[in-house]
């Protein structure tokens, strides 16, 4: 169980704000290679198939791989932070990951 916890913390520590998720995608793929059939598409989506094909039951673990990107815009006198997203405009396209 400790090993799984360490892996989750390591994956969460990889920098990857929206539009720049290649580093955490590469790390996830590297960690999953020994656990099952792992593939990565051109947009960096990582899929790992484990267990028996054709089994009656399947489990899907689905998660976002990016982090919320915030910038502190002001520190108030009371210590509260005003923040904005890293991207002031909508992201038009993510870069293609070369994994």
PDB file of N, CA and C in Angstrom:
ATOM      1  N   UNK A   1       0.818  -1.192   0.000  1.00  0.00           N
ATOM      2  CA  UNK A   1       0.000   0.000   0.000  1.00  0.00           C
ATOM      3  C   UNK A   1       0.865   1.261   0.000  1.00  0.00           C
ATOM      4  N   UNK A   2       1.979   1.229   0.707  1.00  0.00           N
ATOM      5  CA  UNK A   2       2.887   2.383   0.761  1.00  0.00           C
ATOM      6  C   UNK A   2       3.455   2.682  -0.628  1.00  0.00           C
ATOM      7  N   UNK A   3       3.736   1.638  -1.396  1.00  0.00           N
ATOM      8  CA  UNK A   3       4.273   1.816  -2.743  1.00  0.00           C
ATOM      9  C   UNK A   3       3.257   2.534  -3.643  1.00  0.00           C
ATOM     10  N   UNK A   4       1.990   2.163  -3.523  1.00  0.00           N
ATOM     11  CA  UNK A   4       0.933   2.818  -4.298  1.00  0.00           C
ATOM     12  C   UNK A   4       0.809   4.284  -3.898  1.00  0.00           C
ATOM     13  N   UNK A   5       0.886   4.559  -2.616  1.00  0.00           N
ATOM     14  CA  UNK A   5       0.809   5.935  -2.130  1.00  0.00           C
ATOM     15  C   UNK A   5       1.959   6.762  -2.696  1.00  0.00           C
ATOM     16  N   UNK A   6       3.158   6.203  -2.679  1.00  0.00           N
ATOM     17  CA  UNK A   6       4.321   6.910  -3.215  1.00  0.00           C
ATOM     18  C   UNK A   6       4.160   7.183  -4.706  1.00  0.00           C
ATOM     19  N   UNK A   7       3.616   6.205  -5.435  1.00  0.00           N
ATOM     20  CA  UNK A   7       3.393   6.388  -6.870  1.00  0.00           C
ATOM     21  C   UNK A   7       2.385   7.507  -7.117  1.00  0.00           C
ATOM     22  N   UNK A   8       1.283   7.515  -6.381  1.00  0.00           N
ATOM     23  CA  UNK A   8       0.275   8.557  -6.562  1.00  0.00           C
ATOM     24  C   UNK A   8       0.848   9.942  -6.262  1.00  0.00           C
ATOM     25  N   UNK A   9       1.639  10.051  -5.205  1.00  0.00           N
ATOM     26  CA  UNK A   9       2.251  11.335  -4.873  1.00  0.00           C
ATOM     27  C   UNK A   9       3.235  11.755  -5.968  1.00  0.00           C
ATOM     28  N   UNK A  10       4.000  10.809  -6.505  1.00  0.00           N
ATOM     29  CA  UNK A  10       4.954  11.125  -7.565  1.00  0.00           C
ATOM     30  C   UNK A  10       4.239  11.592  -8.830  1.00  0.00           C
ATOM     31  N   UNK A  11       3.145  10.916  -9.171  1.00  0.00           N
ATOM     32  CA  UNK A  11       2.390  11.318 -10.359  1.00  0.00           C
ATOM     33  C   UNK A  11       1.768  12.699 -10.177  1.00  0.00           C
ATOM     34  N   UNK A  12       1.278  12.981  -8.993  1.00  0.00           N
ATOM     35  CA  UNK A  12       0.671  14.289  -8.721  1.00  0.00           C
ATOM     36  C   UNK A  12       1.709  15.405  -8.700  1.00  0.00           C
ATOM     37  N   UNK A  13       2.955  15.077  -8.439  1.00  0.00           N
ATOM     38  CA  UNK A  13       4.016  16.076  -8.365  1.00  0.00           C
ATOM     39  C   UNK A  13       4.539  16.490  -9.739  1.00  0.00           C
ATOM     40  N   UNK A  14       4.243  15.713 -10.777  1.00  0.00           N
ATOM     41  CA  UNK A  14       4.718  16.054 -12.123  1.00  0.00           C
ATOM     42  C   UNK A  14       4.035  17.336 -12.596  1.00  0.00           C
ATOM     43  N   UNK A  15       4.817  18.312 -13.080  1.00  0.00           N
ATOM     44  CA  UNK A  15       4.208  19.556 -13.554  1.00  0.00           C
ATOM     45  C   UNK A  15       3.428  19.311 -14.841  1.00  0.00           C
ATOM     46  N   UNK A  16       2.239  19.857 -14.919  1.00  0.00           N
ATOM     47  CA  UNK A  16       1.428  19.661 -16.114  1.00  0.00           C
ATOM     48  C   UNK A  16       0.171  20.507 -16.092  1.00  0.00           C
ATOM     49  N   UNK A  17       0.333  21.809 -16.321  1.00  0.00           N
ATOM     50  CA  UNK A  17      -0.839  22.674 -16.363  1.00  0.00           C
ATOM     51  C   UNK A  17      -1.598  22.442 -17.672  1.00  0.00           C
ATOM     52  N   UNK A  18      -2.856  22.846 -17.754  1.00  0.00           N
ATOM     53  CA  UNK A  18      -3.653  22.601 -18.963  1.00  0.00           C
ATOM     54  C   UNK A  18      -2.940  23.079 -20.224  1.00  0.00           C
ATOM     55  N   UNK A  19      -2.886  22.206 -21.207  1.00  0.00           N
ATOM     56  CA  UNK A  19      -2.200  22.501 -22.456  1.00  0.00           C
ATOM     57  C   UNK A  19      -0.757  22.045 -22.474  1.00  0.00           C
ATOM     58  N   UNK A  20      -0.248  21.583 -21.345  1.00  0.00           N
ATOM     59  CA  UNK A  20       1.151  21.147 -21.254  1.00  0.00           C
ATOM     60  C   UNK A  20       1.249  19.922 -20.345  1.00  0.00           C
ATOM     61  N   UNK A  21       0.521  18.872 -20.730  1.00  0.00           N
ATOM     62  CA  UNK A  21       0.426  17.677 -19.891  1.00  0.00           C
ATOM     63  C   UNK A  21       1.391  16.563 -20.275  1.00  0.00           C
ATOM     64  N   UNK A  22       2.348  16.827 -21.136  1.00  0.00           N
ATOM     65  CA  UNK A  22       3.227  15.767 -21.632  1.00  0.00           C
ATOM     66  C   UNK A  22       4.075  15.117 -20.540  1.00  0.00           C
ATOM     67  N   UNK A  23       4.634  15.918 -19.629  1.00  0.00           N
ATOM     68  CA  UNK A  23       5.496  15.349 -18.585  1.00  0.00           C
ATOM     69  C   UNK A  23       4.742  14.354 -17.704  1.00  0.00           C
ATOM     70  N   UNK A  24       3.563  14.698 -17.177  1.00  0.00           N
ATOM     71  CA  UNK A  24       2.866  13.703 -16.370  1.00  0.00           C
ATOM     72  C   UNK A  24       2.368  12.515 -17.187  1.00  0.00           C
ATOM     73  N   UNK A  25       2.044  12.724 -18.449  1.00  0.00           N
ATOM     74  CA  UNK A  25       1.617  11.605 -19.304  1.00  0.00           C
ATOM     75  C   UNK A  25       2.776  10.631 -19.514  1.00  0.00           C
ATOM     76  N   UNK A  26       3.963  11.165 -19.750  1.00  0.00           N
ATOM     77  CA  UNK A  26       5.143  10.307 -19.919  1.00  0.00           C
ATOM     78  C   UNK A  26       5.422   9.513 -18.648  1.00  0.00           C
ATOM     79  N   UNK A  27       5.312  10.173 -17.499  1.00  0.00           N
ATOM     80  CA  UNK A  27       5.572   9.499 -16.220  1.00  0.00           C
ATOM     81  C   UNK A  27       4.548   8.401 -15.985  1.00  0.00           C
ATOM     82  N   UNK A  28       3.278   8.698 -16.230  1.00  0.00           N
ATOM     83  CA  UNK A  28       2.218   7.700 -16.038  1.00  0.00           C
ATOM     84  C   UNK A  28       2.444   6.496 -16.943  1.00  0.00           C
ATOM     85  N   UNK A  29       2.778   6.741 -18.199  1.00  0.00           N
ATOM     86  CA  UNK A  29       3.018   5.640 -19.141  1.00  0.00           C
ATOM     87  C   UNK A  29       4.194   4.783 -18.676  1.00  0.00           C
ATOM     88  N   UNK A  30       5.260   5.428 -18.235  1.00  0.00           N
ATOM     89  CA  UNK A  30       6.451   4.708 -17.764  1.00  0.00           C
ATOM     90  C   UNK A  30       6.111   3.822 -16.563  1.00  0.00           C
ATOM     91  N   UNK A  31       5.316   4.347 -15.633  1.00  0.00           N
ATOM     92  CA  UNK A  31       4.949   3.587 -14.431  1.00  0.00           C
ATOM     93  C   UNK A  31       4.004   2.434 -14.751  1.00  0.00           C
ATOM     94  N   UNK A  32       3.154   2.595 -15.765  1.00  0.00           N
ATOM     95  CA  UNK A  32       2.150   1.580 -16.086  1.00  0.00           C
ATOM     96  C   UNK A  32       2.665   0.469 -16.997  1.00  0.00           C
ATOM     97  N   UNK A  33       3.797   0.673 -17.648  1.00  0.00           N
ATOM     98  CA  UNK A  33       4.323  -0.308 -18.600  1.00  0.00           C
ATOM     99  C   UNK A  33       4.426  -1.718 -18.020  1.00  0.00           C
ATOM    100  N   UNK A  34       4.830  -1.838 -16.781  1.00  0.00           N
ATOM    101  CA  UNK A  34       5.004  -3.160 -16.168  1.00  0.00           C
ATOM    102  C   UNK A  34       3.707  -3.749 -15.621  1.00  0.00           C
ATOM    103  N   UNK A  35       2.639  -2.963 -15.650  1.00  0.00           N
ATOM    104  CA  UNK A  35       1.372  -3.431 -15.075  1.00  0.00           C
ATOM    105  C   UNK A  35       0.396  -3.970 -16.104  1.00  0.00           C
ATOM    106  N   UNK A  36       0.602  -3.632 -17.364  1.00  0.00           N
ATOM    107  CA  UNK A  36      -0.322  -4.101 -18.383  1.00  0.00           C
ATOM    108  C   UNK A  36       0.033  -3.524 -19.740  1.00  0.00           C
ATOM    109  N   UNK A  37      -0.839  -3.784 -20.706  1.00  0.00           N
ATOM    110  CA  UNK A  37      -0.661  -3.295 -22.074  1.00  0.00           C
ATOM    111  C   UNK A  37      -0.916  -1.781 -22.075  1.00  0.00           C
ATOM    112  N   UNK A  38       0.141  -0.996 -22.247  1.00  0.00           N
ATOM    113  CA  UNK A  38       0.050   0.451 -22.125  1.00  0.00           C
ATOM    114  C   UNK A  38       0.225   1.115 -23.481  1.00  0.00           C
ATOM    115  N   UNK A  39      -0.692   2.014 -23.803  1.00  0.00           N
ATOM    116  CA  UNK A  39      -0.606   2.775 -25.049  1.00  0.00           C
ATOM    117  C   UNK A  39      -0.804   4.254 -24.738  1.00  0.00           C
ATOM    118  N   UNK A  40      -0.257   5.085 -25.622  1.00  0.00           N
ATOM    119  CA  UNK A  40      -0.406   6.538 -25.513  1.00  0.00           C
ATOM    120  C   UNK A  40      -0.764   7.052 -26.899  1.00  0.00           C
ATOM    121  N   UNK A  41      -1.837   7.861 -26.977  1.00  0.00           N
ATOM    122  CA  UNK A  41      -2.191   8.412 -28.279  1.00  0.00           C
ATOM    123  C   UNK A  41      -1.459   9.735 -28.515  1.00  0.00           C
ATOM    124  N   UNK A  42      -1.659  10.346 -29.683  1.00  0.00           N
ATOM    125  CA  UNK A  42      -0.932  11.564 -30.070  1.00  0.00           C
ATOM    126  C   UNK A  42      -1.231  12.760 -29.161  1.00  0.00           C
ATOM    127  N   UNK A  43      -2.335  12.737 -28.442  1.00  0.00           N
ATOM    128  CA  UNK A  43      -2.678  13.844 -27.553  1.00  0.00           C
ATOM    129  C   UNK A  43      -2.227  13.594 -26.124  1.00  0.00           C
ATOM    130  N   UNK A  44      -1.550  12.466 -25.889  1.00  0.00           N
ATOM    131  CA  UNK A  44      -1.016  12.186 -24.564  1.00  0.00           C
ATOM    132  C   UNK A  44      -1.946  11.412 -23.651  1.00  0.00           C
ATOM    133  N   UNK A  45      -3.074  10.913 -24.173  1.00  0.00           N
ATOM    134  CA  UNK A  45      -3.957  10.080 -23.357  1.00  0.00           C
ATOM    135  C   UNK A  45      -3.301   8.727 -23.117  1.00  0.00           C
ATOM    136  N   UNK A  46      -3.203   8.336 -21.864  1.00  0.00           N
ATOM    137  CA  UNK A  46      -2.530   7.094 -21.477  1.00  0.00           C
ATOM    138  C   UNK A  46      -3.594   6.060 -21.125  1.00  0.00           C
ATOM    139  N   UNK A  47      -3.486   4.882 -21.742  1.00  0.00           N
ATOM    140  CA  UNK A  47      -4.417   3.786 -21.472  1.00  0.00           C
ATOM    141  C   UNK A  47      -3.605   2.552 -21.109  1.00  0.00           C
ATOM    142  N   UNK A  48      -3.971   1.907 -20.005  1.00  0.00           N
ATOM    143  CA  UNK A  48      -3.319   0.668 -19.592  1.00  0.00           C
ATOM    144  C   UNK A  48      -4.395  -0.386 -19.386  1.00  0.00           C
ATOM    145  N   UNK A  49      -4.322  -1.458 -20.142  1.00  0.00           N
ATOM    146  CA  UNK A  49      -5.272  -2.561 -20.014  1.00  0.00           C
ATOM    147  C   UNK A  49      -4.637  -3.659 -19.178  1.00  0.00           C
ATOM    148  N   UNK A  50      -5.324  -4.030 -18.099  1.00  0.00           N
ATOM    149  CA  UNK A  50      -4.822  -5.049 -17.182  1.00  0.00           C
ATOM    150  C   UNK A  50      -5.857  -6.159 -17.070  1.00  0.00           C
ATOM    151  N   UNK A  51      -5.405  -7.314 -16.703  1.00  0.00           N
ATOM    152  CA  UNK A  51      -6.336  -8.412 -16.463  1.00  0.00           C
ATOM    153  C   UNK A  51      -6.665  -9.197 -17.714  1.00  0.00           C
ATOM    154  N   UNK A  52      -7.709 -10.005 -17.596  1.00  0.00           N
ATOM    155  CA  UNK A  52      -8.096 -10.898 -18.684  1.00  0.00           C
ATOM    156  C   UNK A  52      -9.009 -10.205 -19.678  1.00  0.00           C
ATOM    157  N   UNK A  53      -8.662 -10.318 -20.941  1.00  0.00           N
ATOM    158  CA  UNK A  53      -9.556  -9.823 -21.996  1.00  0.00           C
ATOM    159  C   UNK A  53     -10.791 -10.714 -22.027  1.00  0.00           C
ATOM    160  N   UNK A  54     -11.928 -10.119 -22.256  1.00  0.00           N
ATOM    161  CA  UNK A  54     -13.166 -10.886 -22.319  1.00  0.00           C
ATOM    162  C   UNK A  54     -13.768 -11.210 -20.963  1.00  0.00           C
ATOM    163  N   UNK A  55     -13.209 -10.662 -19.898  1.00  0.00           N
ATOM    164  CA  UNK A  55     -13.758 -10.912 -18.559  1.00  0.00           C
ATOM    165  C   UNK A  55     -15.178 -10.343 -18.473  1.00  0.00           C
ATOM    166  N   UNK A  56     -15.993 -10.914 -17.588  1.00  0.00           N
ATOM    167  CA  UNK A  56     -17.374 -10.464 -17.440  1.00  0.00           C
ATOM    168  C   UNK A  56     -17.463  -9.051 -16.885  1.00  0.00           C
ATOM    169  N   UNK A  57     -16.537  -8.690 -16.016  1.00  0.00           N
ATOM    170  CA  UNK A  57     -16.576  -7.373 -15.381  1.00  0.00           C
ATOM    171  C   UNK A  57     -15.333  -6.571 -15.734  1.00  0.00           C
ATOM    172  N   UNK A  58     -15.520  -5.282 -15.852  1.00  0.00           N
ATOM    173  CA  UNK A  58     -14.428  -4.367 -16.160  1.00  0.00           C
ATOM    174  C   UNK A  58     -14.470  -3.209 -15.185  1.00  0.00           C
ATOM    175  N   UNK A  59     -13.320  -2.639 -14.916  1.00  0.00           N
ATOM    176  CA  UNK A  59     -13.223  -1.457 -14.061  1.00  0.00           C
ATOM    177  C   UNK A  59     -12.474  -0.394 -14.857  1.00  0.00           C
ATOM    178  N   UNK A  60     -13.004   0.815 -14.836  1.00  0.00           N
ATOM    179  CA  UNK A  60     -12.349   1.936 -15.503  1.00  0.00           C
ATOM    180  C   UNK A  60     -11.913   2.938 -14.454  1.00  0.00           C
ATOM    181  N   UNK A  61     -10.630   3.261 -14.465  1.00  0.00           N
ATOM    182  CA  UNK A  61     -10.102   4.335 -13.625  1.00  0.00           C
ATOM    183  C   UNK A  61      -9.786   5.478 -14.574  1.00  0.00           C
ATOM    184  N   UNK A  62     -10.490   6.577 -14.413  1.00  0.00           N
ATOM    185  CA  UNK A  62     -10.364   7.717 -15.311  1.00  0.00           C
ATOM    186  C   UNK A  62      -9.987   8.943 -14.483  1.00  0.00           C
ATOM    187  N   UNK A  63      -8.954   9.649 -14.900  1.00  0.00           N
ATOM    188  CA  UNK A  63      -8.516  10.810 -14.124  1.00  0.00           C
ATOM    189  C   UNK A  63      -7.925  11.871 -15.040  1.00  0.00           C
ATOM    190  N   UNK A  64      -8.031  13.108 -14.632  1.00  0.00           N
ATOM    191  CA  UNK A  64      -7.358  14.201 -15.329  1.00  0.00           C
ATOM    192  C   UNK A  64      -5.882  14.138 -14.964  1.00  0.00           C
ATOM    193  N   UNK A  65      -5.035  14.410 -15.943  1.00  0.00           N
ATOM    194  CA  UNK A  65      -3.604  14.341 -15.681  1.00  0.00           C
ATOM    195  C   UNK A  65      -3.005  15.733 -15.517  1.00  0.00           C
ATOM    196  N   UNK A  66      -3.795  16.765 -15.808  1.00  0.00           N
ATOM    197  CA  UNK A  66      -3.269  18.120 -15.659  1.00  0.00           C
ATOM    198  C   UNK A  66      -3.533  18.673 -14.264  1.00  0.00           C
ATOM    199  N   UNK A  67      -2.829  19.723 -13.955  1.00  0.00           N
ATOM    200  CA  UNK A  67      -2.978  20.409 -12.673  1.00  0.00           C
ATOM    201  C   UNK A  67      -3.650  21.752 -12.920  1.00  0.00           C
ATOM    202  N   UNK A  68      -4.249  22.292 -11.888  1.00  0.00           N
ATOM    203  CA  UNK A  68      -4.830  23.616 -11.994  1.00  0.00           C
ATOM    204  C   UNK A  68      -3.685  24.628 -11.963  1.00  0.00           C
ATOM    205  N   UNK A  69      -3.615  25.491 -12.960  1.00  0.00           N
ATOM    206  CA  UNK A  69      -2.562  26.492 -13.023  1.00  0.00           C
ATOM    207  C   UNK A  69      -3.081  27.833 -12.533  1.00  0.00           C
ATOM    208  N   UNK A  70      -2.599  28.285 -11.401  1.00  0.00           N
ATOM    209  CA  UNK A  70      -3.034  29.560 -10.836  1.00  0.00           C
ATOM    210  C   UNK A  70      -1.859  30.510 -10.672  1.00  0.00           C
ATOM    211  N   UNK A  71      -2.146  31.807 -10.786  1.00  0.00           N
ATOM    212  CA  UNK A  71      -1.151  32.847 -10.551  1.00  0.00           C
ATOM    213  C   UNK A  71      -1.704  33.767  -9.469  1.00  0.00           C
ATOM    214  N   UNK A  72      -0.893  34.041  -8.467  1.00  0.00           N
ATOM    215  CA  UNK A  72      -1.297  34.978  -7.417  1.00  0.00           C
ATOM    216  C   UNK A  72      -1.219  36.385  -7.994  1.00  0.00           C
ATOM    217  N   UNK A  73      -2.342  37.106  -7.962  1.00  0.00           N
ATOM    218  CA  UNK A  73      -2.386  38.461  -8.513  1.00  0.00           C
ATOM    219  C   UNK A  73      -2.310  39.536  -7.426  1.00  0.00           C
ATOM    220  N   UNK A  74      -2.640  39.143  -6.190  1.00  0.00           N
ATOM    221  CA  UNK A  74      -2.596  40.113  -5.097  1.00  0.00           C
ATOM    222  C   UNK A  74      -2.620  39.387  -3.766  1.00  0.00           C
ATOM    223  N   UNK A  75      -1.879  39.908  -2.817  1.00  0.00           N
ATOM    224  CA  UNK A  75      -1.924  39.423  -1.443  1.00  0.00           C
ATOM    225  C   UNK A  75      -2.585  40.518  -0.616  1.00  0.00           C
ATOM    226  N   UNK A  76      -3.722  40.194  -0.004  1.00  0.00           N
ATOM    227  CA  UNK A  76      -4.438  41.190   0.788  1.00  0.00           C
ATOM    228  C   UNK A  76      -3.762  41.365   2.153  1.00  0.00           C
ATOM    229  N   UNK A  77      -4.078  42.473   2.814  1.00  0.00           N
ATOM    230  CA  UNK A  77      -3.484  42.775   4.122  1.00  0.00           C
ATOM    231  C   UNK A  77      -3.714  41.662   5.134  1.00  0.00           C
ATOM    232  N   UNK A  78      -4.880  41.010   5.055  1.00  0.00           N
ATOM    233  CA  UNK A  78      -5.215  39.934   5.990  1.00  0.00           C
ATOM    234  C   UNK A  78      -4.543  38.615   5.612  1.00  0.00           C
ATOM    235  N   UNK A  79      -3.784  38.605   4.501  1.00  0.00           N
ATOM    236  CA  UNK A  79      -3.076  37.401   4.094  1.00  0.00           C
ATOM    237  C   UNK A  79      -3.792  36.569   3.043  1.00  0.00           C
ATOM    238  N   UNK A  80      -5.012  36.969   2.665  1.00  0.00           N
ATOM    239  CA  UNK A  80      -5.735  36.218   1.637  1.00  0.00           C
ATOM    240  C   UNK A  80      -5.109  36.470   0.271  1.00  0.00           C
ATOM    241  N   UNK A  81      -5.156  35.461  -0.583  1.00  0.00           N
ATOM    242  CA  UNK A  81      -4.580  35.569  -1.917  1.00  0.00           C
ATOM    243  C   UNK A  81      -5.677  35.740  -2.951  1.00  0.00           C
ATOM    244  N   UNK A  82      -5.468  36.634  -3.885  1.00  0.00           N
ATOM    245  CA  UNK A  82      -6.321  36.731  -5.063  1.00  0.00           C
ATOM    246  C   UNK A  82      -5.569  36.002  -6.175  1.00  0.00           C
ATOM    247  N   UNK A  83      -6.259  35.118  -6.891  1.00  0.00           N
ATOM    248  CA  UNK A  83      -5.609  34.330  -7.933  1.00  0.00           C
ATOM    249  C   UNK A  83      -6.406  34.400  -9.227  1.00  0.00           C
ATOM    250  N   UNK A  84      -5.726  34.101 -10.304  1.00  0.00           N
ATOM    251  CA  UNK A  84      -6.361  33.944 -11.602  1.00  0.00           C
ATOM    252  C   UNK A  84      -5.774  32.690 -12.223  1.00  0.00           C
ATOM    253  N   UNK A  85      -6.443  32.162 -13.228  1.00  0.00           N
ATOM    254  CA  UNK A  85      -5.922  30.964 -13.890  1.00  0.00           C
ATOM    255  C   UNK A  85      -4.685  31.333 -14.690  1.00  0.00           C
ATOM    256  N   UNK A  86      -3.874  30.340 -14.944  1.00  0.00           N
ATOM    257  CA  UNK A  86      -2.645  30.568 -15.709  1.00  0.00           C
ATOM    258  C   UNK A  86      -2.979  31.046 -17.114  1.00  0.00           C
ATOM    259  N   UNK A  87      -4.104  30.573 -17.637  1.00  0.00           N
ATOM    260  CA  UNK A  87      -4.502  30.912 -18.992  1.00  0.00           C
ATOM    261  C   UNK A  87      -5.673  31.879 -18.942  1.00  0.00           C
ATOM    262  N   UNK A  88      -5.440  33.116 -19.361  1.00  0.00           N
ATOM    263  CA  UNK A  88      -6.498  34.122 -19.339  1.00  0.00           C
ATOM    264  C   UNK A  88      -7.516  33.876 -20.443  1.00  0.00           C
ATOM    265  N   UNK A  89      -7.108  33.187 -21.499  1.00  0.00           N
ATOM    266  CA  UNK A  89      -8.020  32.884 -22.592  1.00  0.00           C
ATOM    267  C   UNK A  89      -8.176  31.384 -22.698  1.00  0.00           C
ATOM    268  N   UNK A  90      -9.155  30.969 -23.447  1.00  0.00           N
ATOM    269  CA  UNK A  90      -9.394  29.546 -23.641  1.00  0.00           C
ATOM    270  C   UNK A  90      -8.241  28.908 -24.408  1.00  0.00           C
ATOM    271  N   UNK A  91      -7.849  27.740 -23.976  1.00  0.00           N
ATOM    272  CA  UNK A  91      -6.783  27.007 -24.662  1.00  0.00           C
ATOM    273  C   UNK A  91      -7.365  26.460 -25.958  1.00  0.00           C
ATOM    274  N   UNK A  92      -6.767  26.790 -27.078  1.00  0.00           N
ATOM    275  CA  UNK A  92      -7.309  26.361 -28.365  1.00  0.00           C
ATOM    276  C   UNK A  92      -6.884  24.948 -28.716  1.00  0.00           C
ATOM    277  N   UNK A  93      -5.669  24.570 -28.371  1.00  0.00           N
ATOM    278  CA  UNK A  93      -5.206  23.225 -28.693  1.00  0.00           C
ATOM    279  C   UNK A  93      -4.036  22.871 -27.790  1.00  0.00           C
ATOM    280  N   UNK A  94      -4.038  21.655 -27.307  1.00  0.00           N
ATOM    281  CA  UNK A  94      -2.908  21.172 -26.509  1.00  0.00           C
ATOM    282  C   UNK A  94      -1.792  20.767 -27.475  1.00  0.00           C
ATOM    283  N   UNK A  95      -0.563  20.896 -27.012  1.00  0.00           N
ATOM    284  CA  UNK A  95       0.515  20.434 -27.873  1.00  0.00           C
ATOM    285  C   UNK A  95       0.525  18.908 -27.914  1.00  0.00           C
ATOM    286  N   UNK A  96       1.003  18.388 -29.004  1.00  0.00           N
ATOM    287  CA  UNK A  96       1.031  16.938 -29.170  1.00  0.00           C
ATOM    288  C   UNK A  96       2.227  16.380 -28.422  1.00  0.00           C
ATOM    289  N   UNK A  97       1.974  15.361 -27.621  1.00  0.00           N
ATOM    290  CA  UNK A  97       3.030  14.742 -26.813  1.00  0.00           C
ATOM    291  C   UNK A  97       3.836  13.754 -27.635  1.00  0.00           C
ATOM    292  N   UNK A  98       5.124  13.845 -27.529  1.00  0.00           N
ATOM    293  CA  UNK A  98       6.029  12.898 -28.184  1.00  0.00           C
ATOM    294  C   UNK A  98       6.511  11.921 -27.129  1.00  0.00           C
ATOM    295  N   UNK A  99       5.742  10.843 -26.958  1.00  0.00           N
ATOM    296  CA  UNK A  99       6.060   9.874 -25.908  1.00  0.00           C
ATOM    297  C   UNK A  99       6.606   8.605 -26.516  1.00  0.00           C
TER     298      UNK A  99
END
